[in-house]
Each structure stands twice: as C-alpha cells, then as structure tokens.
PDB file of N, CA and C in Angstrom:
ATOM      1  N   MET A   1     -47.279  -9.319  62.608  1.00  0.00           N
ATOM      2  CA  MET A   1     -48.161  -8.331  61.906  1.00  0.00           C
ATOM      3  C   MET A   1     -48.478  -7.718  62.533  1.00  0.00           C
ATOM      4  N   ARG A   2     -48.527  -7.640  64.042  1.00  0.00           N
ATOM      5  CA  ARG A   2     -48.649  -6.469  65.055  1.00  0.00           C
ATOM      6  C   ARG A   2     -48.500  -5.154  65.199  1.00  0.00           C
ATOM      7  N   THR A   3     -47.065  -5.091  63.695  1.00  0.00           N
ATOM      8  CA  THR A   3     -46.809  -3.711  63.331  1.00  0.00           C
ATOM      9  C   THR A   3     -46.588  -3.080  62.332  1.00  0.00           C
ATOM     10  N   GLY A   4     -47.732  -4.265  61.553  1.00  0.00           N
ATOM     11  CA  GLY A   4     -48.081  -3.784  59.764  1.00  0.00           C
ATOM     12  C   GLY A   4     -47.470  -4.956  59.189  1.00  0.00           C
ATOM     13  N   VAL A   5     -46.625  -5.574  59.716  1.00  0.00           N
ATOM     14  CA  VAL A   5     -45.960  -5.842  58.410  1.00  0.00           C
ATOM     15  C   VAL A   5     -45.729  -7.481  58.179  1.00  0.00           C
ATOM     16  N   LEU A   6     -46.227  -8.423  57.366  1.00  0.00           N
ATOM     17  CA  LEU A   6     -46.325  -9.458  57.558  1.00  0.00           C
ATOM     18  C   LEU A   6     -45.318  -9.941  58.424  1.00  0.00           C
ATOM     19  N   LYS A   7     -44.953 -11.080  58.862  1.00  0.00           N
ATOM     20  CA  LYS A   7     -43.996 -11.597  59.147  1.00  0.00           C
ATOM     21  C   LYS A   7     -42.919 -12.295  58.978  1.00  0.00           C
ATOM     22  N   SER A   8     -43.585 -12.895  58.526  1.00  0.00           N
ATOM     23  CA  SER A   8     -42.627 -13.493  56.797  1.00  0.00           C
ATOM     24  C   SER A   8     -42.136 -12.075  55.777  1.00  0.00           C
ATOM     25  N   VAL A   9     -42.039 -10.807  55.377  1.00  0.00           N
ATOM     26  CA  VAL A   9     -41.284 -10.328  54.748  1.00  0.00           C
ATOM     27  C   VAL A   9     -41.176  -9.706  56.275  1.00  0.00           C
ATOM     28  N   ALA A  10     -41.351  -9.352  57.060  1.00  0.00           N
ATOM     29  CA  ALA A  10     -40.084  -8.903  58.116  1.00  0.00           C
ATOM     30  C   ALA A  10     -38.623  -9.797  58.102  1.00  0.00           C
ATOM     31  N   GLN A  11     -38.874 -11.008  57.963  1.00  0.00           N
ATOM     32  CA  GLN A  11     -37.563 -12.060  58.739  1.00  0.00           C
ATOM     33  C   GLN A  11     -36.986 -12.224  56.801  1.00  0.00           C
ATOM     34  N   SER A  12     -37.800 -12.025  55.720  1.00  0.00           N
ATOM     35  CA  SER A  12     -37.060 -11.256  54.953  1.00  0.00           C
ATOM     36  C   SER A  12     -36.607 -10.377  54.310  1.00  0.00           C
ATOM     37  N   ASP A  13     -36.917 -10.147  53.981  1.00  0.00           N
ATOM     38  CA  ASP A  13     -36.354  -8.096  54.035  1.00  0.00           C
ATOM     39  C   ASP A  13     -36.126  -6.985  55.030  1.00  0.00           C
ATOM     40  N   TRP A  14     -36.455  -6.755  55.297  1.00  0.00           N
ATOM     41  CA  TRP A  14     -35.710  -6.077  57.082  1.00  0.00           C
ATOM     42  C   TRP A  14     -35.021  -6.581  58.647  1.00  0.00           C
ATOM     43  N   ALA A  15     -35.146  -8.487  58.461  1.00  0.00           N
ATOM     44  CA  ALA A  15     -34.302  -8.035  59.600  1.00  0.00           C
ATOM     45  C   ALA A  15     -32.743  -7.384  58.798  1.00  0.00           C
ATOM     46  N   GLY A  16     -32.127  -7.774  59.904  1.00  0.00           N
ATOM     47  CA  GLY A  16     -30.927  -7.202  59.804  1.00  0.00           C
ATOM     48  C   GLY A  16     -29.929  -6.018  61.151  1.00  0.00           C
ATOM     49  N   LEU A  17     -29.009  -5.867  61.022  1.00  0.00           N
ATOM     50  CA  LEU A  17     -28.179  -4.747  61.690  1.00  0.00           C
ATOM     51  C   LEU A  17     -28.769  -3.170  60.532  1.00  0.00           C
ATOM     52  N   TYR A  18     -29.254  -2.628  61.479  1.00  0.00           N
ATOM     53  CA  TYR A  18     -28.994  -1.613  61.397  1.00  0.00           C
ATOM     54  C   TYR A  18     -27.781  -0.318  62.167  1.00  0.00           C
ATOM     55  N   THR A  19     -27.575   0.697  60.918  1.00  0.00           N
ATOM     56  CA  THR A  19     -27.527   2.064  62.167  1.00  0.00           C
ATOM     57  C   THR A  19     -27.506   3.279  61.595  1.00  0.00           C
ATOM     58  N   ILE A  20     -27.880   3.303  62.629  1.00  0.00           N
ATOM     59  CA  ILE A  20     -28.009   5.290  62.046  1.00  0.00           C
ATOM     60  C   ILE A  20     -27.513   6.419  62.533  1.00  0.00           C
ATOM     61  N   THR A  21     -26.626   7.784  62.163  1.00  0.00           N
ATOM     62  CA  THR A  21     -25.681   8.285  62.726  1.00  0.00           C
ATOM     63  C   THR A  21     -26.863   9.771  62.132  1.00  0.00           C
ATOM     64  N   PHE A  22     -26.803  10.264  63.683  1.00  0.00           N
ATOM     65  CA  PHE A  22     -27.107  11.523  64.083  1.00  0.00           C
ATOM     66  C   PHE A  22     -25.889  12.589  64.052  1.00  0.00           C
ATOM     67  N   LYS A  23     -25.857  13.804  63.384  1.00  0.00           N
ATOM     68  CA  LYS A  23     -24.253  14.281  62.920  1.00  0.00           C
ATOM     69  C   LYS A  23     -24.164  15.607  62.335  1.00  0.00           C
ATOM     70  N   ASP A  24     -24.750  16.863  63.198  1.00  0.00           N
ATOM     71  CA  ASP A  24     -24.211  17.777  62.336  1.00  0.00           C
ATOM     72  C   ASP A  24     -24.797  18.587  61.256  1.00  0.00           C
ATOM     73  N   GLY A  25     -26.749  18.421  61.543  1.00  0.00           N
ATOM     74  CA  GLY A  25     -27.157  18.366  61.048  1.00  0.00           C
ATOM     75  C   GLY A  25     -27.504  17.309  59.541  1.00  0.00           C
ATOM     76  N   LYS A  26     -26.922  15.991  60.065  1.00  0.00           N
ATOM     77  CA  LYS A  26     -26.943  15.027  58.488  1.00  0.00           C
ATOM     78  C   LYS A  26     -27.217  13.606  59.404  1.00  0.00           C
ATOM     79  N   PHE A  27     -28.273  13.033  58.557  1.00  0.00           N
ATOM     80  CA  PHE A  27     -28.479  11.624  59.283  1.00  0.00           C
ATOM     81  C   PHE A  27     -28.033  10.717  58.337  1.00  0.00           C
ATOM     82  N   LEU A  28     -27.785   9.336  58.292  1.00  0.00           N
ATOM     83  CA  LEU A  28     -27.337   8.152  57.666  1.00  0.00           C
ATOM     84  C   LEU A  28     -28.330   7.191  58.057  1.00  0.00           C
ATOM     85  N   ASN A  29     -28.199   6.859  57.040  1.00  0.00           N
ATOM     86  CA  ASN A  29     -28.726   5.350  58.059  1.00  0.00           C
ATOM     87  C   ASN A  29     -28.195   3.545  57.042  1.00  0.00           C
ATOM     88  N   THR A  30     -27.441   3.051  57.477  1.00  0.00           N
ATOM     89  CA  THR A  30     -26.673   1.015  56.752  1.00  0.00           C
ATOM     90  C   THR A  30     -27.680   0.056  57.824  1.00  0.00           C
ATOM     91  N   TRP A  31     -27.624  -0.686  56.493  1.00  0.00           N
ATOM     92  CA  TRP A  31     -28.148  -1.709  57.219  1.00  0.00           C
ATOM     93  C   TRP A  31     -27.597  -3.138  56.027  1.00  0.00           C
ATOM     94  N   GLN A  32     -27.161  -3.816  57.268  1.00  0.00           N
ATOM     95  CA  GLN A  32     -26.761  -5.072  56.559  1.00  0.00           C
ATOM     96  C   GLN A  32     -28.059  -6.456  56.875  1.00  0.00           C
ATOM     97  N   GLY A  33     -28.226  -6.778  55.847  1.00  0.00           N
ATOM     98  CA  GLY A  33     -30.124  -7.784  55.963  1.00  0.00           C
ATOM     99  C   GLY A  33     -29.011  -8.745  56.188  1.00  0.00           C
ATOM    100  N   GLU A  34     -29.948 -10.322  56.929  1.00  0.00           N
ATOM    101  CA  GLU A  34     -29.738 -11.641  56.434  1.00  0.00           C
ATOM    102  C   GLU A  34     -29.592 -12.290  55.589  1.00  0.00           C
ATOM    103  N   GLN A  35     -30.541 -11.800  54.946  1.00  0.00           N
ATOM    104  CA  GLN A  35     -30.289 -12.086  53.568  1.00  0.00           C
ATOM    105  C   GLN A  35     -29.002 -11.002  52.417  1.00  0.00           C
ATOM    106  N   GLY A  36     -28.408 -11.274  52.771  1.00  0.00           N
ATOM    107  CA  GLY A  36     -27.264 -10.481  52.183  1.00  0.00           C
ATOM    108  C   GLY A  36     -27.242  -9.911  51.697  1.00  0.00           C
ATOM    109  N   GLN A  37     -28.441  -9.021  52.103  1.00  0.00           N
ATOM    110  CA  GLN A  37     -28.481  -7.482  51.272  1.00  0.00           C
ATOM    111  C   GLN A  37     -28.228  -6.768  51.805  1.00  0.00           C
ATOM    112  N   SER A  38     -28.415  -5.577  51.079  1.00  0.00           N
ATOM    113  CA  SER A  38     -28.057  -4.563  51.959  1.00  0.00           C
ATOM    114  C   SER A  38     -27.856  -2.330  51.694  1.00  0.00           C
ATOM    115  N   GLY A  39     -27.528  -1.695  52.378  1.00  0.00           N
ATOM    116  CA  GLY A  39     -27.853  -0.382  51.329  1.00  0.00           C
ATOM    117  C   GLY A  39     -27.659   0.984  52.592  1.00  0.00           C
ATOM    118  N   LYS A  40     -28.118   2.219  51.776  1.00  0.00           N
ATOM    119  CA  LYS A  40     -27.380   3.359  53.002  1.00  0.00           C
ATOM    120  C   LYS A  40     -28.555   4.278  52.679  1.00  0.00           C
ATOM    121  N   CYS A  41     -29.288   5.032  53.590  1.00  0.00           N
ATOM    122  CA  CYS A  41     -30.286   6.357  53.590  1.00  0.00           C
ATOM    123  C   CYS A  41     -29.923   7.813  53.893  1.00  0.00           C
ATOM    124  N   GLN A  42     -29.249   8.337  52.801  1.00  0.00           N
ATOM    125  CA  GLN A  42     -29.052   9.867  53.375  1.00  0.00           C
ATOM    126  C   GLN A  42     -29.774  10.639  53.521  1.00  0.00           C
ATOM    127  N   ALA A  43     -29.980  11.337  54.065  1.00  0.00           N
ATOM    128  CA  ALA A  43     -30.900  12.634  54.930  1.00  0.00           C
ATOM    129  C   ALA A  43     -30.017  13.772  55.523  1.00  0.00           C
ATOM    130  N   ASN A  44     -30.696  14.847  55.305  1.00  0.00           N
ATOM    131  CA  ASN A  44     -30.552  15.986  55.842  1.00  0.00           C
ATOM    132  C   ASN A  44     -31.516  16.123  57.548  1.00  0.00           C
ATOM    133  N   TYR A  45     -31.485  16.742  58.235  1.00  0.00           N
ATOM    134  CA  TYR A  45     -32.154  16.710  59.495  1.00  0.00           C
ATOM    135  C   TYR A  45     -32.217  18.376  60.222  1.00  0.00           C
ATOM    136  N   GLU A  46     -33.758  18.719  59.870  1.00  0.00           N
ATOM    137  CA  GLU A  46     -34.593  20.176  60.860  1.00  0.00           C
ATOM    138  C   GLU A  46     -35.132  19.633  61.563  1.00  0.00           C
ATOM    139  N   LEU A  47     -34.989  19.882  63.272  1.00  0.00           N
ATOM    140  CA  LEU A  47     -36.191  21.209  64.131  1.00  0.00           C
ATOM    141  C   LEU A  47     -36.818  20.993  64.053  1.00  0.00           C
ATOM    142  N   VAL A  48     -38.574  20.909  63.636  1.00  0.00           N
ATOM    143  CA  VAL A  48     -39.741  21.367  62.967  1.00  0.00           C
ATOM    144  C   VAL A  48     -40.973  20.685  64.397  1.00  0.00           C
ATOM    145  N   GLY A  49     -40.831  22.289  64.796  1.00  0.00           N
ATOM    146  CA  GLY A  49     -41.126  22.334  66.540  1.00  0.00           C
ATOM    147  C   GLY A  49     -40.941  21.017  67.508  1.00  0.00           C
ATOM    148  N   ASP A  50     -41.538  20.273  67.561  1.00  0.00           N
ATOM    149  CA  ASP A  50     -41.202  19.075  68.711  1.00  0.00           C
ATOM    150  C   ASP A  50     -41.089  17.762  67.518  1.00  0.00           C
ATOM    151  N   ILE A  51     -40.463  17.964  66.404  1.00  0.00           N
ATOM    152  CA  ILE A  51     -40.538  16.851  64.769  1.00  0.00           C
ATOM    153  C   ILE A  51     -39.227  16.679  64.821  1.00  0.00           C
ATOM    154  N   VAL A  52     -38.680  15.636  64.548  1.00  0.00           N
ATOM    155  CA  VAL A  52     -36.969  15.904  63.367  1.00  0.00           C
ATOM    156  C   VAL A  52     -37.150  15.615  62.295  1.00  0.00           C
ATOM    157  N   ARG A  53     -37.584  16.653  61.471  1.00  0.00           N
ATOM    158  CA  ARG A  53     -37.659  15.632  60.228  1.00  0.00           C
ATOM    159  C   ARG A  53     -36.470  15.036  59.245  1.00  0.00           C
ATOM    160  N   LEU A  54     -36.435  14.570  59.066  1.00  0.00           N
ATOM    161  CA  LEU A  54     -35.528  13.322  57.714  1.00  0.00           C
ATOM    162  C   LEU A  54     -35.613  14.049  55.919  1.00  0.00           C
ATOM    163  N   THR A  55     -35.063  14.834  55.428  1.00  0.00           N
ATOM    164  CA  THR A  55     -35.436  14.455  54.428  1.00  0.00           C
ATOM    165  C   THR A  55     -34.397  14.566  53.276  1.00  0.00           C
ATOM    166  N   TYR A  56     -34.965  13.049  52.169  1.00  0.00           N
ATOM    167  CA  TYR A  56     -33.596  12.121  52.041  1.00  0.00           C
ATOM    168  C   TYR A  56     -33.424  12.325  50.248  1.00  0.00           C
ATOM    169  N   TYR A  57     -31.820  12.813  50.643  1.00  0.00           N
ATOM    170  CA  TYR A  57     -31.471  13.305  49.264  1.00  0.00           C
ATOM    171  C   TYR A  57     -30.822  12.397  47.813  1.00  0.00           C
ATOM    172  N   GLN A  58     -31.091  12.573  47.196  1.00  0.00           N
ATOM    173  CA  GLN A  58     -30.822  11.609  45.804  1.00  0.00           C
ATOM    174  C   GLN A  58     -28.773  10.666  45.847  1.00  0.00           C
ATOM    175  N   THR A  59     -28.406  10.010  46.223  1.00  0.00           N
ATOM    176  CA  THR A  59     -27.000   9.767  45.546  1.00  0.00           C
ATOM    177  C   THR A  59     -27.173   8.174  45.118  1.00  0.00           C
ATOM    178  N   THR A  60     -26.074   8.358  45.032  1.00  0.00           N
ATOM    179  CA  THR A  60     -26.009   6.772  43.900  1.00  0.00           C
ATOM    180  C   THR A  60     -26.066   5.787  45.097  1.00  0.00           C
ATOM    181  N   GLY A  61     -26.701   4.507  44.080  1.00  0.00           N
ATOM    182  CA  GLY A  61     -27.734   3.667  45.240  1.00  0.00           C
ATOM    183  C   GLY A  61     -28.503   3.369  45.912  1.00  0.00           C
ATOM    184  N   GLN A  62     -28.864   4.454  46.151  1.00  0.00           N
ATOM    185  CA  GLN A  62     -29.590   4.930  47.808  1.00  0.00           C
ATOM    186  C   GLN A  62     -31.306   4.983  47.117  1.00  0.00           C
ATOM    187  N   GLU A  63     -31.916   3.973  48.675  1.00  0.00           N
ATOM    188  CA  GLU A  63     -33.070   3.492  47.683  1.00  0.00           C
ATOM    189  C   GLU A  63     -33.933   4.762  48.760  1.00  0.00           C
ATOM    190  N   CYS A  64     -33.232   5.543  49.248  1.00  0.00           N
ATOM    191  CA  CYS A  64     -34.459   6.233  49.709  1.00  0.00           C
ATOM    192  C   CYS A  64     -35.264   7.822  49.462  1.00  0.00           C
ATOM    193  N   GLU A  65     -34.587   7.760  47.644  1.00  0.00           N
ATOM    194  CA  GLU A  65     -34.542   9.560  47.502  1.00  0.00           C
ATOM    195  C   GLU A  65     -35.702   9.965  48.162  1.00  0.00           C
ATOM    196  N   ASP A  66     -36.059  11.295  47.258  1.00  0.00           N
ATOM    197  CA  ASP A  66     -37.647  12.207  47.619  1.00  0.00           C
ATOM    198  C   ASP A  66     -37.979  11.594  49.051  1.00  0.00           C
ATOM    199  N   GLU A  67     -37.777  10.788  50.090  1.00  0.00           N
ATOM    200  CA  GLU A  67     -38.554  11.220  51.165  1.00  0.00           C
ATOM    201  C   GLU A  67     -38.443  12.054  52.293  1.00  0.00           C
ATOM    202  N   VAL A  68     -39.126  11.465  52.447  1.00  0.00           N
ATOM    203  CA  VAL A  68     -40.070  12.908  53.828  1.00  0.00           C
ATOM    204  C   VAL A  68     -39.841  12.477  55.250  1.00  0.00           C
ATOM    205  N   ASP A  69     -39.030  12.028  55.971  1.00  0.00           N
ATOM    206  CA  ASP A  69     -39.823  11.418  57.902  1.00  0.00           C
ATOM    207  C   ASP A  69     -39.990  12.091  58.433  1.00  0.00           C
ATOM    208  N   ASP A  70     -41.076  12.239  59.679  1.00  0.00           N
ATOM    209  CA  ASP A  70     -40.602  13.346  60.816  1.00  0.00           C
ATOM    210  C   ASP A  70     -40.925  12.057  61.910  1.00  0.00           C
ATOM    211  N   LEU A  71     -40.140  12.179  62.557  1.00  0.00           N
ATOM    212  CA  LEU A  71     -39.825  11.237  63.287  1.00  0.00           C
ATOM    213  C   LEU A  71     -39.616  12.264  65.391  1.00  0.00           C
ATOM    214  N   GLN A  72     -40.238  11.329  66.053  1.00  0.00           N
ATOM    215  CA  GLN A  72     -40.182  11.580  67.682  1.00  0.00           C
ATOM    216  C   GLN A  72     -39.097  10.717  68.134  1.00  0.00           C
ATOM    217  N   TRP A  73     -38.693  10.677  69.190  1.00  0.00           N
ATOM    218  CA  TRP A  73     -37.810  10.605  69.364  1.00  0.00           C
ATOM    219  C   TRP A  73     -37.233  10.699  70.833  1.00  0.00           C
ATOM    220  N   ARG A  74     -37.202   9.202  72.336  1.00  0.00           N
ATOM    221  CA  ARG A  74     -37.132   9.604  73.342  1.00  0.00           C
ATOM    222  C   ARG A  74     -36.051   8.428  73.945  1.00  0.00           C
ATOM    223  N   LEU A  75     -35.657   8.658  74.833  1.00  0.00           N
ATOM    224  CA  LEU A  75     -34.038   7.607  75.907  1.00  0.00           C
ATOM    225  C   LEU A  75     -34.802   7.593  77.236  1.00  0.00           C
ATOM    226  N   ASP A  76     -34.736   5.352  77.180  1.00  0.00           N
ATOM    227  CA  ASP A  76     -35.293   5.898  78.231  1.00  0.00           C
ATOM    228  C   ASP A  76     -34.082   5.500  79.331  1.00  0.00           C
ATOM    229  N   ASP A  77     -34.530   5.053  80.609  1.00  0.00           N
ATOM    230  CA  ASP A  77     -33.692   4.417  81.453  1.00  0.00           C
ATOM    231  C   ASP A  77     -32.250   3.689  81.422  1.00  0.00           C
ATOM    232  N   GLN A  78     -32.748   3.776  80.829  1.00  0.00           N
ATOM    233  CA  GLN A  78     -31.233   1.957  80.383  1.00  0.00           C
ATOM    234  C   GLN A  78     -30.421   2.915  79.360  1.00  0.00           C
ATOM    235  N   GLY A  79     -30.783   4.437  78.386  1.00  0.00           N
ATOM    236  CA  GLY A  79     -30.462   5.114  76.606  1.00  0.00           C
ATOM    237  C   GLY A  79     -30.792   4.588  75.814  1.00  0.00           C
ATOM    238  N   LEU A  80     -31.726   3.302  76.230  1.00  0.00           N
ATOM    239  CA  LEU A  80     -31.530   2.823  74.382  1.00  0.00           C
ATOM    240  C   LEU A  80     -32.468   3.936  73.765  1.00  0.00           C
ATOM    241  N   LEU A  81     -32.261   4.157  72.551  1.00  0.00           N
ATOM    242  CA  LEU A  81     -32.978   5.481  71.528  1.00  0.00           C
ATOM    243  C   LEU A  81     -34.522   4.670  70.842  1.00  0.00           C
ATOM    244  N   HIS A  82     -35.853   4.921  71.581  1.00  0.00           N
ATOM    245  CA  HIS A  82     -36.847   4.069  70.484  1.00  0.00           C
ATOM    246  C   HIS A  82     -38.075   5.781  69.692  1.00  0.00           C
ATOM    247  N   LEU A  83     -37.569   5.322  68.322  1.00  0.00           N
ATOM    248  CA  LEU A  83     -38.216   6.519  67.864  1.00  0.00           C
ATOM    249  C   LEU A  83     -39.940   5.940  67.375  1.00  0.00           C
ATOM    250  N   HIS A  84     -40.367   7.085  67.231  1.00  0.00           N
ATOM    251  CA  HIS A  84     -41.530   7.705  66.811  1.00  0.00           C
ATOM    252  C   HIS A  84     -41.969   8.454  64.896  1.00  0.00           C
ATOM    253  N   LEU A  85     -42.692   6.986  64.303  1.00  0.00           N
ATOM    254  CA  LEU A  85     -42.813   8.179  62.735  1.00  0.00           C
ATOM    255  C   LEU A  85     -44.004   8.635  62.855  1.00  0.00           C
ATOM    256  N   VAL A  86     -43.937   9.630  62.935  1.00  0.00           N
ATOM    257  CA  VAL A  86     -44.904  10.532  62.621  1.00  0.00           C
ATOM    258  C   VAL A  86     -46.442  10.803  61.915  1.00  0.00           C
ATOM    259  N   ALA A  87     -44.997  11.037  60.394  1.00  0.00           N
ATOM    260  CA  ALA A  87     -45.471  11.194  59.727  1.00  0.00           C
ATOM    261  C   ALA A  87     -44.899  10.984  58.511  1.00  0.00           C
ATOM    262  N   ILE A  88     -44.859  10.653  56.823  1.00  0.00           N
ATOM    263  CA  ILE A  88     -44.085  10.154  55.991  1.00  0.00           C
ATOM    264  C   ILE A  88     -45.028  10.761  54.183  1.00  0.00           C
ATOM    265  N   LYS A  89     -43.534  11.299  53.628  1.00  0.00           N
ATOM    266  CA  LYS A  89     -44.102  11.674  52.245  1.00  0.00           C
ATOM    267  C   LYS A  89     -42.902  10.366  51.770  1.00  0.00           C
ATOM    268  N   ASN A  90     -43.500   9.975  50.734  1.00  0.00           N
ATOM    269  CA  ASN A  90     -43.494   9.168  49.262  1.00  0.00           C
ATOM    270  C   ASN A  90     -42.031   7.679  49.550  1.00  0.00           C
ATOM    271  N   ALA A  91     -42.794   7.655  50.954  1.00  0.00           N
ATOM    272  CA  ALA A  91     -43.054   6.088  50.681  1.00  0.00           C
ATOM    273  C   ALA A  91     -43.977   5.260  51.742  1.00  0.00           C
ATOM    274  N   PRO A  92     -43.702   4.149  52.229  1.00  0.00           N
ATOM    275  CA  PRO A  92     -44.907   2.856  52.540  1.00  0.00           C
ATOM    276  C   PRO A  92     -45.466   2.985  54.280  1.00  0.00           C
ATOM    277  N   PHE A  93     -45.760   4.050  54.681  1.00  0.00           N
ATOM    278  CA  PHE A  93     -45.388   4.101  55.876  1.00  0.00           C
ATOM    279  C   PHE A  93     -46.419   3.439  57.523  1.00  0.00           C
ATOM    280  N   ALA A  94     -47.173   1.870  56.495  1.00  0.00           N
ATOM    281  CA  ALA A  94     -46.675   1.153  57.604  1.00  0.00           C
ATOM    282  C   ALA A  94     -45.173   0.656  58.166  1.00  0.00           C
ATOM    283  N   GLU A  95     -44.652   0.237  56.540  1.00  0.00           N
ATOM    284  CA  GLU A  95     -43.366  -0.709  56.704  1.00  0.00           C
ATOM    285  C   GLU A  95     -42.506   0.628  57.744  1.00  0.00           C
ATOM    286  N   ILE A  96     -42.255   1.236  57.162  1.00  0.00           N
ATOM    287  CA  ILE A  96     -40.987   2.285  57.606  1.00  0.00           C
ATOM    288  C   ILE A  96     -41.706   2.472  59.132  1.00  0.00           C
ATOM    289  N   LYS A  97     -42.367   2.241  59.553  1.00  0.00           N
ATOM    290  CA  LYS A  97     -43.118   2.120  61.021  1.00  0.00           C
ATOM    291  C   LYS A  97     -42.781   1.464  62.305  1.00  0.00           C
ATOM    292  N   ALA A  98     -43.043  -0.159  60.870  1.00  0.00           N
ATOM    293  CA  ALA A  98     -41.911  -0.518  61.604  1.00  0.00           C
ATOM    294  C   ALA A  98     -40.934  -1.213  61.887  1.00  0.00           C
ATOM    295  N   ASN A  99     -40.526  -0.698  60.265  1.00  0.00           N
ATOM    296  CA  ASN A  99     -39.146  -1.066  60.982  1.00  0.00           C
ATOM    297  C   ASN A  99     -37.890   0.801  61.923  1.00  0.00           C
ATOM    298  N   LEU A 100     -38.503   0.441  61.686  1.00  0.00           N
ATOM    299  CA  LEU A 100     -38.182   1.861  62.862  1.00  0.00           C
ATOM    300  C   LEU A 100     -38.195   1.950  64.763  1.00  0.00           C
ATOM    301  N   GLU A 101     -39.944   1.419  64.501  1.00  0.00           N
ATOM    302  CA  GLU A 101     -40.498   1.742  65.628  1.00  0.00           C
ATOM    303  C   GLU A 101     -39.830  -0.645  66.593  1.00  0.00           C
ATOM    304  N   ALA A 102     -39.906  -1.154  65.653  1.00  0.00           N
ATOM    305  CA  ALA A 102     -39.511  -2.432  65.840  1.00  0.00           C
ATOM    306  C   ALA A 102     -38.722  -2.994  67.360  1.00  0.00           C
ATOM    307  N   LYS A 103     -38.101  -2.020  67.129  1.00  0.00           N
ATOM    308  CA  LYS A 103     -36.579  -2.222  68.662  1.00  0.00           C
ATOM    309  C   LYS A 103     -35.836  -0.970  68.452  1.00  0.00           C
ATOM    310  N   PRO A 104     -35.868  -0.474  70.151  1.00  0.00           N
ATOM    311  CA  PRO A 104     -34.461  -0.017  70.391  1.00  0.00           C
ATOM    312  C   PRO A 104     -32.705  -0.363  69.955  1.00  0.00           C
ATOM    313  N   TYR A 105     -32.917   1.353  70.206  1.00  0.00           N
ATOM    314  CA  TYR A 105     -31.507   1.528  69.322  1.00  0.00           C
ATOM    315  C   TYR A 105     -30.115   1.899  70.809  1.00  0.00           C
ATOM    316  N   GLN A 106     -29.958   1.244  70.597  1.00  0.00           N
ATOM    317  CA  GLN A 106     -28.393   1.473  71.738  1.00  0.00           C
ATOM    318  C   GLN A 106     -27.627   1.575  70.813  1.00  0.00           C
ATOM    319  N   LYS A 107     -26.331   2.979  71.613  1.00  0.00           N
ATOM    320  CA  LYS A 107     -25.881   3.102  70.825  1.00  0.00           C
ATOM    321  C   LYS A 107     -24.328   2.401  71.333  1.00  0.00           C
ATOM    322  N   ILE A 108     -23.381   2.688  70.296  1.00  0.00           N
ATOM    323  CA  ILE A 108     -22.722   1.480  69.789  1.00  0.00           C
ATOM    324  C   ILE A 108     -21.218   2.578  70.214  1.00  0.00           C
ATOM    325  N   ALA A 109     -20.927   3.610  69.648  1.00  0.00           N
ATOM    326  CA  ALA A 109     -19.564   4.634  70.356  1.00  0.00           C
ATOM    327  C   ALA A 109     -19.784   5.814  69.880  1.00  0.00           C
ATOM    328  N   ASP A 110     -19.034   6.755  70.295  1.00  0.00           N
ATOM    329  CA  ASP A 110     -19.403   8.401  70.364  1.00  0.00           C
ATOM    330  C   ASP A 110     -18.829   7.862  68.842  1.00  0.00           C
ATOM    331  N   GLN A 111     -18.929   9.185  67.877  1.00  0.00           N
ATOM    332  CA  GLN A 111     -18.160   9.589  66.742  1.00  0.00           C
ATOM    333  C   GLN A 111     -18.079  11.095  66.918  1.00  0.00           C
TER     334      GLN A 111
END
C-alpha cells in the first residue's frame, strides 16, 4: 500500500522478473510474473529537457499501446538504476509508478 498498490495486487499481478532495454531510440520491457503471466511493451524514447519520454506503439500482444510515460532516472553509487515516473498518459499513474519505482534495476549484460 506504501507505493499506491494493494499488497495482494502487487504480489499476484506485478511480482516477477522485469527486463528493460534502452537502445538506439527503442525501449523494450519484458516480464515474467510469478503466477505464470508474461508480456512485453515496446516504445520509442526521446529526451525532452530533463525527461525521457517513452511513446509506446502497437504490436501484436502488447499491453501498453498508446501509453506515453515521462521518466527520470539516476544511477546510485553501486550502479543500480532508479526510475522515477514524472507523468503518464493512457495508463494508471499509481500502479505504473509503483511498478517502476518499487526496486532499483541492475545491469545484467552489455548488448
């Protein structure tokens, strides 16, 4: 509840492994939930002032189409990535904020 989502919803719907990739103006988010659910979202990204704007586009089986997220991020001293949702269009702010900000991301590979 601290991040704006009920613990029961977070555990059943949001818990799992998320992998995000930023490369050459493209963003990819894939996930595998603890209850067997999986999915992916793809977007173009651009720098708008001090904000990174993700503009999702429609692909087969994608859940995030027509969404626009404005993010900021920082790397901490251990190299972990912390995301901060500034604004969002066409998706619930509290749930996406909780999902993105619940835990820092760690680098897994250079690609």
